[in-house]
Amino acid sequence: MSYSNYSPPPHTDRILSYLRDRLPGYPFDESADHDFVDELLEDFPHSDLLEEIKTFRWFHDNEPASRVANLRLAIRRWVAKGYRQQRS
């Protein structure tokens, strides 16, 4: 899939911008992160994904990259845990 003409929904664009510009040490990759965010939105439809990512960032004292080896996996697990708690 080519992302040069990809136009994400507004909420997706805000999440991607946050990952790229506001999450210290995040290894932003346009192609991978479009897929990553799309999958999170699909798998956790009732979660406020942007808020979950912000909470993840500050839980790790604004330095998540120094505390976890794979940020995408850590974010996915964080969102999944919040989703399970929300549904119980």
PDB file of N, CA and C in Angstrom:
ATOM      1  N   MET A   1       0.840  -1.179   0.000  1.00  0.00           N
ATOM      2  CA  MET A   1       0.000   0.000   0.000  1.00  0.00           C
ATOM      3  C   MET A   1       0.884   1.240   0.000  1.00  0.00           C
ATOM      4  N   SER A   2       0.615   2.178  -0.844  1.00  0.00           N
ATOM      5  CA  SER A   2       1.375   3.425  -0.894  1.00  0.00           C
ATOM      6  C   SER A   2       0.732   4.448   0.025  1.00  0.00           C
ATOM      7  N   TYR A   3       1.553   5.080   0.844  1.00  0.00           N
ATOM      8  CA  TYR A   3       1.031   6.053   1.794  1.00  0.00           C
ATOM      9  C   TYR A   3       1.192   7.479   1.315  1.00  0.00           C
ATOM     10  N   SER A   4       1.726   7.686   0.111  1.00  0.00           N
ATOM     11  CA  SER A   4       1.886   9.042  -0.390  1.00  0.00           C
ATOM     12  C   SER A   4       0.538   9.703  -0.644  1.00  0.00           C
ATOM     13  N   ASN A   5      -0.484   8.924  -0.972  1.00  0.00           N
ATOM     14  CA  ASN A   5      -1.823   9.467  -1.205  1.00  0.00           C
ATOM     15  C   ASN A   5      -2.798   9.077  -0.101  1.00  0.00           C
ATOM     16  N   TYR A   6      -2.288   8.468   0.955  1.00  0.00           N
ATOM     17  CA  TYR A   6      -3.128   8.011   2.062  1.00  0.00           C
ATOM     18  C   TYR A   6      -3.617   9.204   2.862  1.00  0.00           C
ATOM     19  N   SER A   7      -4.901   9.244   3.124  1.00  0.00           N
ATOM     20  CA  SER A   7      -5.479  10.319   3.922  1.00  0.00           C
ATOM     21  C   SER A   7      -6.220   9.685   5.100  1.00  0.00           C
ATOM     22  N   PRO A   8      -5.564   9.623   6.267  1.00  0.00           N
ATOM     23  CA  PRO A   8      -6.188   8.973   7.411  1.00  0.00           C
ATOM     24  C   PRO A   8      -7.339   9.807   7.962  1.00  0.00           C
ATOM     25  N   PRO A   9      -8.261   9.160   8.669  1.00  0.00           N
ATOM     26  CA  PRO A   9      -9.310   9.924   9.348  1.00  0.00           C
ATOM     27  C   PRO A   9      -8.668  10.898  10.335  1.00  0.00           C
ATOM     28  N   PRO A  10      -9.357  11.978  10.688  1.00  0.00           N
ATOM     29  CA  PRO A  10      -8.764  13.001  11.564  1.00  0.00           C
ATOM     30  C   PRO A  10      -8.198  12.445  12.869  1.00  0.00           C
ATOM     31  N   HIS A  11      -8.895  11.512  13.511  1.00  0.00           N
ATOM     32  CA  HIS A  11      -8.386  10.991  14.782  1.00  0.00           C
ATOM     33  C   HIS A  11      -7.112  10.171  14.563  1.00  0.00           C
ATOM     34  N   THR A  12      -7.022   9.479  13.447  1.00  0.00           N
ATOM     35  CA  THR A  12      -5.808   8.727  13.137  1.00  0.00           C
ATOM     36  C   THR A  12      -4.643   9.683  12.930  1.00  0.00           C
ATOM     37  N   ASP A  13      -4.881  10.760  12.233  1.00  0.00           N
ATOM     38  CA  ASP A  13      -3.840  11.749  11.986  1.00  0.00           C
ATOM     39  C   ASP A  13      -3.323  12.344  13.295  1.00  0.00           C
ATOM     40  N   ARG A  14      -4.205  12.601  14.231  1.00  0.00           N
ATOM     41  CA  ARG A  14      -3.787  13.142  15.538  1.00  0.00           C
ATOM     42  C   ARG A  14      -2.930  12.138  16.291  1.00  0.00           C
ATOM     43  N   ILE A  15      -3.289  10.870  16.233  1.00  0.00           N
ATOM     44  CA  ILE A  15      -2.506   9.827  16.909  1.00  0.00           C
ATOM     45  C   ILE A  15      -1.132   9.706  16.271  1.00  0.00           C
ATOM     46  N   LEU A  16      -1.090   9.686  14.946  1.00  0.00           N
ATOM     47  CA  LEU A  16       0.197   9.594  14.249  1.00  0.00           C
ATOM     48  C   LEU A  16       1.080  10.804  14.558  1.00  0.00           C
ATOM     49  N   SER A  17       0.494  11.977  14.588  1.00  0.00           N
ATOM     50  CA  SER A  17       1.251  13.186  14.925  1.00  0.00           C
ATOM     51  C   SER A  17       1.813  13.105  16.331  1.00  0.00           C
ATOM     52  N   TYR A  18       1.019  12.588  17.247  1.00  0.00           N
ATOM     53  CA  TYR A  18       1.485  12.460  18.628  1.00  0.00           C
ATOM     54  C   TYR A  18       2.651  11.473  18.712  1.00  0.00           C
ATOM     55  N   LEU A  19       2.532  10.343  18.057  1.00  0.00           N
ATOM     56  CA  LEU A  19       3.621   9.368  18.059  1.00  0.00           C
ATOM     57  C   LEU A  19       4.898   9.974  17.472  1.00  0.00           C
ATOM     58  N   ARG A  20       4.755  10.703  16.376  1.00  0.00           N
ATOM     59  CA  ARG A  20       5.903  11.268  15.666  1.00  0.00           C
ATOM     60  C   ARG A  20       6.541  12.422  16.452  1.00  0.00           C
ATOM     61  N   ASP A  21       5.717  13.300  16.996  1.00  0.00           N
ATOM     62  CA  ASP A  21       6.228  14.569  17.529  1.00  0.00           C
ATOM     63  C   ASP A  21       6.291  14.678  19.043  1.00  0.00           C
ATOM     64  N   ARG A  22       5.532  13.860  19.756  1.00  0.00           N
ATOM     65  CA  ARG A  22       5.405  14.084  21.196  1.00  0.00           C
ATOM     66  C   ARG A  22       5.862  12.929  22.076  1.00  0.00           C
ATOM     67  N   LEU A  23       6.101  11.767  21.488  1.00  0.00           N
ATOM     68  CA  LEU A  23       6.503  10.606  22.276  1.00  0.00           C
ATOM     69  C   LEU A  23       8.021  10.451  22.172  1.00  0.00           C
ATOM     70  N   PRO A  24       8.746  10.885  23.206  1.00  0.00           N
ATOM     71  CA  PRO A  24      10.213  10.881  23.151  1.00  0.00           C
ATOM     72  C   PRO A  24      10.786   9.490  22.849  1.00  0.00           C
ATOM     73  N   GLY A  25      11.691   9.458  21.882  1.00  0.00           N
ATOM     74  CA  GLY A  25      12.375   8.221  21.542  1.00  0.00           C
ATOM     75  C   GLY A  25      11.575   7.262  20.685  1.00  0.00           C
ATOM     76  N   TYR A  26      10.358   7.637  20.293  1.00  0.00           N
ATOM     77  CA  TYR A  26       9.540   6.728  19.500  1.00  0.00           C
ATOM     78  C   TYR A  26      10.123   6.610  18.094  1.00  0.00           C
ATOM     79  N   PRO A  27      10.331   5.387  17.597  1.00  0.00           N
ATOM     80  CA  PRO A  27      10.939   5.190  16.275  1.00  0.00           C
ATOM     81  C   PRO A  27       9.895   5.294  15.162  1.00  0.00           C
ATOM     82  N   PHE A  28       9.391   6.494  14.939  1.00  0.00           N
ATOM     83  CA  PHE A  28       8.291   6.678  13.998  1.00  0.00           C
ATOM     84  C   PHE A  28       8.689   6.225  12.597  1.00  0.00           C
ATOM     85  N   ASP A  29       7.810   5.425  12.005  1.00  0.00           N
ATOM     86  CA  ASP A  29       7.963   4.956  10.637  1.00  0.00           C
ATOM     87  C   ASP A  29       6.597   5.107   9.983  1.00  0.00           C
ATOM     88  N   GLU A  30       6.506   5.980   8.992  1.00  0.00           N
ATOM     89  CA  GLU A  30       5.211   6.328   8.419  1.00  0.00           C
ATOM     90  C   GLU A  30       4.393   5.106   8.005  1.00  0.00           C
ATOM     91  N   SER A  31       4.987   4.217   7.268  1.00  0.00           N
ATOM     92  CA  SER A  31       4.272   3.041   6.785  1.00  0.00           C
ATOM     93  C   SER A  31       3.871   2.117   7.936  1.00  0.00           C
ATOM     94  N   ALA A  32       4.833   1.764   8.762  1.00  0.00           N
ATOM     95  CA  ALA A  32       4.553   0.850   9.876  1.00  0.00           C
ATOM     96  C   ALA A  32       3.549   1.447  10.848  1.00  0.00           C
ATOM     97  N   ASP A  33       3.655   2.738  11.109  1.00  0.00           N
ATOM     98  CA  ASP A  33       2.765   3.333  12.100  1.00  0.00           C
ATOM     99  C   ASP A  33       1.346   3.565  11.595  1.00  0.00           C
ATOM    100  N   HIS A  34       1.187   3.777  10.298  1.00  0.00           N
ATOM    101  CA  HIS A  34      -0.180   3.810   9.749  1.00  0.00           C
ATOM    102  C   HIS A  34      -0.858   2.465  10.004  1.00  0.00           C
ATOM    103  N   ASP A  35      -0.147   1.388   9.694  1.00  0.00           N
ATOM    104  CA  ASP A  35      -0.696   0.046   9.913  1.00  0.00           C
ATOM    105  C   ASP A  35      -0.922  -0.212  11.400  1.00  0.00           C
ATOM    106  N   PHE A  36       0.027   0.193  12.227  1.00  0.00           N
ATOM    107  CA  PHE A  36      -0.058  -0.008  13.677  1.00  0.00           C
ATOM    108  C   PHE A  36      -1.293   0.690  14.260  1.00  0.00           C
ATOM    109  N   VAL A  37      -1.474   1.948  13.921  1.00  0.00           N
ATOM    110  CA  VAL A  37      -2.609   2.710  14.453  1.00  0.00           C
ATOM    111  C   VAL A  37      -3.924   2.173  13.905  1.00  0.00           C
ATOM    112  N   ASP A  38      -3.966   1.864  12.625  1.00  0.00           N
ATOM    113  CA  ASP A  38      -5.194   1.290  12.049  1.00  0.00           C
ATOM    114  C   ASP A  38      -5.585   0.002  12.770  1.00  0.00           C
ATOM    115  N   GLU A  39      -4.594  -0.842  13.040  1.00  0.00           N
ATOM    116  CA  GLU A  39      -4.873  -2.102  13.720  1.00  0.00           C
ATOM    117  C   GLU A  39      -5.351  -1.866  15.158  1.00  0.00           C
ATOM    118  N   LEU A  40      -4.723  -0.931  15.862  1.00  0.00           N
ATOM    119  CA  LEU A  40      -5.172  -0.628  17.224  1.00  0.00           C
ATOM    120  C   LEU A  40      -6.609  -0.117  17.230  1.00  0.00           C
ATOM    121  N   LEU A  41      -6.924   0.766  16.305  1.00  0.00           N
ATOM    122  CA  LEU A  41      -8.284   1.298  16.233  1.00  0.00           C
ATOM    123  C   LEU A  41      -9.299   0.202  15.901  1.00  0.00           C
ATOM    124  N   GLU A  42      -8.900  -0.728  15.074  1.00  0.00           N
ATOM    125  CA  GLU A  42      -9.785  -1.836  14.717  1.00  0.00           C
ATOM    126  C   GLU A  42      -9.965  -2.807  15.891  1.00  0.00           C
ATOM    127  N   ASP A  43      -8.871  -3.124  16.573  1.00  0.00           N
ATOM    128  CA  ASP A  43      -8.912  -4.121  17.643  1.00  0.00           C
ATOM    129  C   ASP A  43      -9.515  -3.587  18.945  1.00  0.00           C
ATOM    130  N   PHE A  44      -9.404  -2.280  19.174  1.00  0.00           N
ATOM    131  CA  PHE A  44      -9.887  -1.674  20.422  1.00  0.00           C
ATOM    132  C   PHE A  44     -10.784  -0.485  20.090  1.00  0.00           C
ATOM    133  N   PRO A  45     -11.945  -0.761  19.489  1.00  0.00           N
ATOM    134  CA  PRO A  45     -12.786   0.305  18.935  1.00  0.00           C
ATOM    135  C   PRO A  45     -13.366   1.273  19.959  1.00  0.00           C
ATOM    136  N   HIS A  46     -13.484   0.876  21.199  1.00  0.00           N
ATOM    137  CA  HIS A  46     -14.096   1.759  22.188  1.00  0.00           C
ATOM    138  C   HIS A  46     -13.075   2.421  23.095  1.00  0.00           C
ATOM    139  N   SER A  47     -11.809   2.283  22.751  1.00  0.00           N
ATOM    140  CA  SER A  47     -10.755   2.912  23.540  1.00  0.00           C
ATOM    141  C   SER A  47     -10.443   4.295  22.987  1.00  0.00           C
ATOM    142  N   ASP A  48     -10.069   5.197  23.874  1.00  0.00           N
ATOM    143  CA  ASP A  48      -9.558   6.499  23.466  1.00  0.00           C
ATOM    144  C   ASP A  48      -8.058   6.314  23.286  1.00  0.00           C
ATOM    145  N   LEU A  49      -7.675   5.948  22.085  1.00  0.00           N
ATOM    146  CA  LEU A  49      -6.297   5.551  21.816  1.00  0.00           C
ATOM    147  C   LEU A  49      -5.302   6.675  22.098  1.00  0.00           C
ATOM    148  N   LEU A  50      -5.629   7.883  21.722  1.00  0.00           N
ATOM    149  CA  LEU A  50      -4.717   8.992  21.977  1.00  0.00           C
ATOM    150  C   LEU A  50      -4.505   9.191  23.470  1.00  0.00           C
ATOM    151  N   GLU A  51      -5.559   9.118  24.237  1.00  0.00           N
ATOM    152  CA  GLU A  51      -5.434   9.258  25.692  1.00  0.00           C
ATOM    153  C   GLU A  51      -4.625   8.113  26.290  1.00  0.00           C
ATOM    154  N   GLU A  52      -4.808   6.908  25.782  1.00  0.00           N
ATOM    155  CA  GLU A  52      -4.029   5.764  26.269  1.00  0.00           C
ATOM    156  C   GLU A  52      -2.532   5.975  26.003  1.00  0.00           C
ATOM    157  N   ILE A  53      -2.195   6.481  24.832  1.00  0.00           N
ATOM    158  CA  ILE A  53      -0.787   6.707  24.499  1.00  0.00           C
ATOM    159  C   ILE A  53      -0.200   7.824  25.362  1.00  0.00           C
ATOM    160  N   LYS A  54      -0.986   8.865  25.603  1.00  0.00           N
ATOM    161  CA  LYS A  54      -0.520   9.939  26.484  1.00  0.00           C
ATOM    162  C   LYS A  54      -0.285   9.415  27.898  1.00  0.00           C
ATOM    163  N   THR A  55      -1.182   8.587  28.388  1.00  0.00           N
ATOM    164  CA  THR A  55      -1.037   8.016  29.729  1.00  0.00           C
ATOM    165  C   THR A  55       0.188   7.113  29.790  1.00  0.00           C
ATOM    166  N   PHE A  56       0.406   6.329  28.754  1.00  0.00           N
ATOM    167  CA  PHE A  56       1.591   5.478  28.662  1.00  0.00           C
ATOM    168  C   PHE A  56       2.861   6.323  28.754  1.00  0.00           C
ATOM    169  N   ARG A  57       2.887   7.404  28.013  1.00  0.00           N
ATOM    170  CA  ARG A  57       4.052   8.298  28.020  1.00  0.00           C
ATOM    171  C   ARG A  57       4.352   8.804  29.423  1.00  0.00           C
ATOM    172  N   TRP A  58       3.356   9.316  30.086  1.00  0.00           N
ATOM    173  CA  TRP A  58       3.593   9.932  31.394  1.00  0.00           C
ATOM    174  C   TRP A  58       3.750   8.905  32.501  1.00  0.00           C
ATOM    175  N   PHE A  59       3.186   7.727  32.342  1.00  0.00           N
ATOM    176  CA  PHE A  59       3.429   6.651  33.297  1.00  0.00           C
ATOM    177  C   PHE A  59       4.923   6.325  33.342  1.00  0.00           C
ATOM    178  N   HIS A  60       5.552   6.446  32.185  1.00  0.00           N
ATOM    179  CA  HIS A  60       6.993   6.179  32.082  1.00  0.00           C
ATOM    180  C   HIS A  60       7.821   7.462  32.237  1.00  0.00           C
ATOM    181  N   ASP A  61       7.294   8.438  32.942  1.00  0.00           N
ATOM    182  CA  ASP A  61       8.004   9.685  33.251  1.00  0.00           C
ATOM    183  C   ASP A  61       8.567  10.377  32.010  1.00  0.00           C
ATOM    184  N   ASN A  62       7.798  10.371  30.939  1.00  0.00           N
ATOM    185  CA  ASN A  62       8.168  11.043  29.704  1.00  0.00           C
ATOM    186  C   ASN A  62       9.421  10.439  29.057  1.00  0.00           C
ATOM    187  N   GLU A  63       9.805   9.234  29.453  1.00  0.00           N
ATOM    188  CA  GLU A  63      10.963   8.566  28.866  1.00  0.00           C
ATOM    189  C   GLU A  63      10.675   7.089  28.579  1.00  0.00           C
ATOM    190  N   PRO A  64       9.591   6.795  27.857  1.00  0.00           N
ATOM    191  CA  PRO A  64       9.256   5.388  27.643  1.00  0.00           C
ATOM    192  C   PRO A  64      10.326   4.619  26.874  1.00  0.00           C
ATOM    193  N   ALA A  65      11.057   5.274  25.996  1.00  0.00           N
ATOM    194  CA  ALA A  65      12.063   4.572  25.197  1.00  0.00           C
ATOM    195  C   ALA A  65      13.202   4.038  26.061  1.00  0.00           C
ATOM    196  N   SER A  66      13.427   4.654  27.210  1.00  0.00           N
ATOM    197  CA  SER A  66      14.508   4.186  28.075  1.00  0.00           C
ATOM    198  C   SER A  66      14.053   3.039  28.974  1.00  0.00           C
ATOM    199  N   ARG A  67      12.750   2.737  28.977  1.00  0.00           N
ATOM    200  CA  ARG A  67      12.221   1.730  29.891  1.00  0.00           C
ATOM    201  C   ARG A  67      11.711   0.459  29.203  1.00  0.00           C
ATOM    202  N   VAL A  68      11.451   0.542  27.915  1.00  0.00           N
ATOM    203  CA  VAL A  68      10.942  -0.627  27.190  1.00  0.00           C
ATOM    204  C   VAL A  68      11.739  -0.817  25.901  1.00  0.00           C
ATOM    205  N   ALA A  69      11.899  -2.061  25.492  1.00  0.00           N
ATOM    206  CA  ALA A  69      12.702  -2.362  24.306  1.00  0.00           C
ATOM    207  C   ALA A  69      11.928  -2.142  23.009  1.00  0.00           C
ATOM    208  N   ASN A  70      10.642  -2.465  23.001  1.00  0.00           N
ATOM    209  CA  ASN A  70       9.835  -2.357  21.789  1.00  0.00           C
ATOM    210  C   ASN A  70       8.624  -1.489  22.113  1.00  0.00           C
ATOM    211  N   LEU A  71       8.678  -0.233  21.702  1.00  0.00           N
ATOM    212  CA  LEU A  71       7.607   0.703  22.062  1.00  0.00           C
ATOM    213  C   LEU A  71       6.261   0.333  21.457  1.00  0.00           C
ATOM    214  N   ARG A  72       6.236  -0.135  20.231  1.00  0.00           N
ATOM    215  CA  ARG A  72       4.947  -0.500  19.635  1.00  0.00           C
ATOM    216  C   ARG A  72       4.292  -1.645  20.413  1.00  0.00           C
ATOM    217  N   LEU A  73       5.070  -2.646  20.753  1.00  0.00           N
ATOM    218  CA  LEU A  73       4.539  -3.761  21.525  1.00  0.00           C
ATOM    219  C   LEU A  73       4.086  -3.294  22.906  1.00  0.00           C
ATOM    220  N   ALA A  74       4.870  -2.450  23.547  1.00  0.00           N
ATOM    221  CA  ALA A  74       4.504  -1.940  24.872  1.00  0.00           C
ATOM    222  C   ALA A  74       3.222  -1.116  24.821  1.00  0.00           C
ATOM    223  N   ILE A  75       3.068  -0.299  23.791  1.00  0.00           N
ATOM    224  CA  ILE A  75       1.839   0.496  23.642  1.00  0.00           C
ATOM    225  C   ILE A  75       0.657  -0.431  23.393  1.00  0.00           C
ATOM    226  N   ARG A  76       0.829  -1.424  22.530  1.00  0.00           N
ATOM    227  CA  ARG A  76      -0.270  -2.359  22.257  1.00  0.00           C
ATOM    228  C   ARG A  76      -0.704  -3.069  23.538  1.00  0.00           C
ATOM    229  N   ARG A  77       0.248  -3.531  24.318  1.00  0.00           N
ATOM    230  CA  ARG A  77      -0.088  -4.205  25.577  1.00  0.00           C
ATOM    231  C   ARG A  77      -0.778  -3.245  26.537  1.00  0.00           C
ATOM    232  N   TRP A  78      -0.317  -2.011  26.599  1.00  0.00           N
ATOM    233  CA  TRP A  78      -0.923  -0.995  27.467  1.00  0.00           C
ATOM    234  C   TRP A  78      -2.387  -0.764  27.073  1.00  0.00           C
ATOM    235  N   VAL A  79      -2.622  -0.580  25.786  1.00  0.00           N
ATOM    236  CA  VAL A  79      -3.985  -0.341  25.297  1.00  0.00           C
ATOM    237  C   VAL A  79      -4.860  -1.570  25.542  1.00  0.00           C
ATOM    238  N   ALA A  80      -4.331  -2.762  25.296  1.00  0.00           N
ATOM    239  CA  ALA A  80      -5.095  -4.003  25.512  1.00  0.00           C
ATOM    240  C   ALA A  80      -5.484  -4.140  26.982  1.00  0.00           C
ATOM    241  N   LYS A  81      -4.558  -3.837  27.874  1.00  0.00           N
ATOM    242  CA  LYS A  81      -4.859  -3.934  29.309  1.00  0.00           C
ATOM    243  C   LYS A  81      -5.963  -2.946  29.688  1.00  0.00           C
ATOM    244  N   GLY A  82      -5.862  -1.732  29.198  1.00  0.00           N
ATOM    245  CA  GLY A  82      -6.900  -0.740  29.471  1.00  0.00           C
ATOM    246  C   GLY A  82      -8.238  -1.149  28.889  1.00  0.00           C
ATOM    247  N   TYR A  83      -8.219  -1.753  27.717  1.00  0.00           N
ATOM    248  CA  TYR A  83      -9.442  -2.206  27.072  1.00  0.00           C
ATOM    249  C   TYR A  83     -10.107  -3.306  27.883  1.00  0.00           C
ATOM    250  N   ARG A  84      -9.284  -4.267  28.383  1.00  0.00           N
ATOM    251  CA  ARG A  84      -9.837  -5.348  29.206  1.00  0.00           C
ATOM    252  C   ARG A  84     -10.436  -4.788  30.492  1.00  0.00           C
ATOM    253  N   GLN A  85      -9.760  -3.842  31.118  1.00  0.00           N
ATOM    254  CA  GLN A  85     -10.274  -3.243  32.355  1.00  0.00           C
ATOM    255  C   GLN A  85     -11.566  -2.476  32.100  1.00  0.00           C
ATOM    256  N   GLN A  86     -11.632  -1.813  30.978  1.00  0.00           N
ATOM    257  CA  GLN A  86     -12.821  -1.043  30.603  1.00  0.00           C
ATOM    258  C   GLN A  86     -14.033  -1.956  30.395  1.00  0.00           C
ATOM    259  N   ARG A  87     -13.802  -3.129  29.851  1.00  0.00           N
ATOM    260  CA  ARG A  87     -14.891  -4.053  29.529  1.00  0.00           C
ATOM    261  C   ARG A  87     -15.328  -4.908  30.722  1.00  0.00           C
ATOM    262  N   SER A  88     -14.537  -4.944  31.775  1.00  0.00           N
ATOM    263  CA  SER A  88     -14.926  -5.799  32.924  1.00  0.00           C
ATOM    264  C   SER A  88     -15.718  -5.039  33.959  1.00  0.00           C
TER     265      SER A  88
END
